Protein backbone atom coordinates (compact mmCIF):
# COMPACT_ATOMS: atom_id res chain seq x y z
CA MET A 1 118.70 87.20 97.78
CA GLU A 2 121.29 86.58 100.70
CA THR A 3 119.05 85.00 103.88
CA ASN A 4 120.71 84.28 107.32
CA GLU A 5 118.36 81.04 107.64
CA PRO A 6 120.78 78.10 107.50
CA PRO A 7 120.35 76.17 103.86
CA THR A 8 117.96 73.01 103.72
CA LEU A 9 118.64 69.65 102.30
CA GLU A 10 115.40 68.14 102.11
CA GLY A 11 113.95 69.46 104.81
CA LEU A 12 117.09 68.60 107.02
CA PRO A 13 118.86 72.36 107.88
CA LEU A 14 122.21 72.10 107.11
CA VAL A 15 123.76 73.75 110.37
CA LEU A 16 127.60 75.04 109.63
CA PRO A 17 130.03 76.55 112.37
CA ALA A 18 131.27 79.77 111.50
CA HIS A 19 134.45 78.08 111.30
CA LEU A 20 133.79 75.98 108.87
CA THR A 21 131.98 78.80 106.90
CA ALA A 22 135.14 81.07 106.63
CA ASN A 23 136.34 79.84 103.46
CA PHE A 24 132.25 80.29 101.34
CA GLU A 25 132.44 83.75 103.05
CA LYS A 26 135.99 84.12 102.16
CA ALA A 27 135.29 83.32 98.26
CA ASP A 28 131.90 85.51 98.41
CA ARG A 29 133.81 88.79 99.05
CA GLN A 30 135.68 87.74 96.00
CA LEU A 31 133.26 86.96 93.95
CA MET A 32 131.79 90.59 94.88
CA ALA A 33 135.23 92.18 94.68
CA SER A 34 135.79 91.27 90.94
CA TYR A 35 132.55 90.61 89.33
CA GLY A 36 130.77 93.20 91.65
CA SER A 37 127.92 89.57 92.33
CA SER A 38 127.85 86.71 94.08
CA PRO A 39 124.98 84.13 95.21
CA GLY A 40 126.03 84.82 98.57
CA VAL A 41 127.40 82.25 101.02
CA THR A 42 124.39 79.90 101.64
CA ALA A 43 124.51 79.21 97.55
CA LEU A 44 128.05 78.97 96.96
CA VAL A 45 127.67 76.00 100.35
CA ARG A 46 125.59 74.01 98.46
CA LEU A 47 126.68 74.38 94.51
CA TRP A 48 129.91 73.49 96.73
CA ILE A 49 128.25 70.65 97.93
CA ALA A 50 126.23 69.99 94.92
CA CYS A 51 130.12 69.75 93.40
CA GLY A 52 130.91 66.18 95.66
CA THR A 53 130.96 62.57 93.87
CA SER A 54 130.19 59.78 96.66
CA LYS A 55 133.82 58.68 95.67
CA GLU A 56 135.21 62.02 96.89
CA ILE A 57 132.58 61.88 100.18
CA GLN A 58 134.03 58.39 100.75
CA ARG A 59 137.85 58.74 100.31
CA GLU A 60 137.46 62.18 102.33
CA PHE A 61 135.53 59.80 104.85
CA GLU A 62 138.05 56.74 104.68
CA ARG A 63 140.62 60.25 105.30
CA ALA A 64 139.27 60.72 108.68
CA VAL A 65 138.42 58.23 109.95
CA LEU A 66 142.58 56.69 109.18
CA ASP A 67 143.32 60.06 110.31
CA ILE A 68 145.72 60.40 107.16
CA ARG A 69 147.17 64.40 106.63
CA ARG A 70 148.48 63.69 103.75
CA LYS A 71 147.62 63.18 100.83
CA THR A 72 147.42 59.86 98.98
CA LEU A 73 146.82 57.62 95.76
CA ASN A 74 143.83 59.17 94.20
CA PRO A 75 141.98 56.30 92.15
CA PRO A 76 140.36 57.84 89.19
CA GLU A 77 136.81 58.65 88.46
CA SER A 78 136.04 54.67 87.44
CA GLY A 79 137.52 52.87 90.48
CA GLN A 80 139.82 51.17 87.96
CA PHE A 81 143.36 51.37 89.08
CA ASP A 82 146.11 51.00 86.30
CA GLU A 83 149.20 50.17 87.23
CA ASP A 84 151.59 50.63 84.33
CA CYS A 85 150.32 54.25 85.62
CA LEU A 86 152.17 54.90 89.53
């Protein structure tokens, strides 16, 4: 059941502004239209957060700090570069 309460992470409320929740609301509508069911916006936010790896979070933070707007070379999950594949 969907509530208007912000999702919490071990007691810490996660409040997202409307412009950031728009994609989750759109996904919710698309799931409802396609399948007649959706877990709701809050569950979709939690699912998306659960899918992020520490490497992806670090990469996005570094891109934001360095103000990088274009896609850059993404290291493999192992973190080891193989120069032969470049």
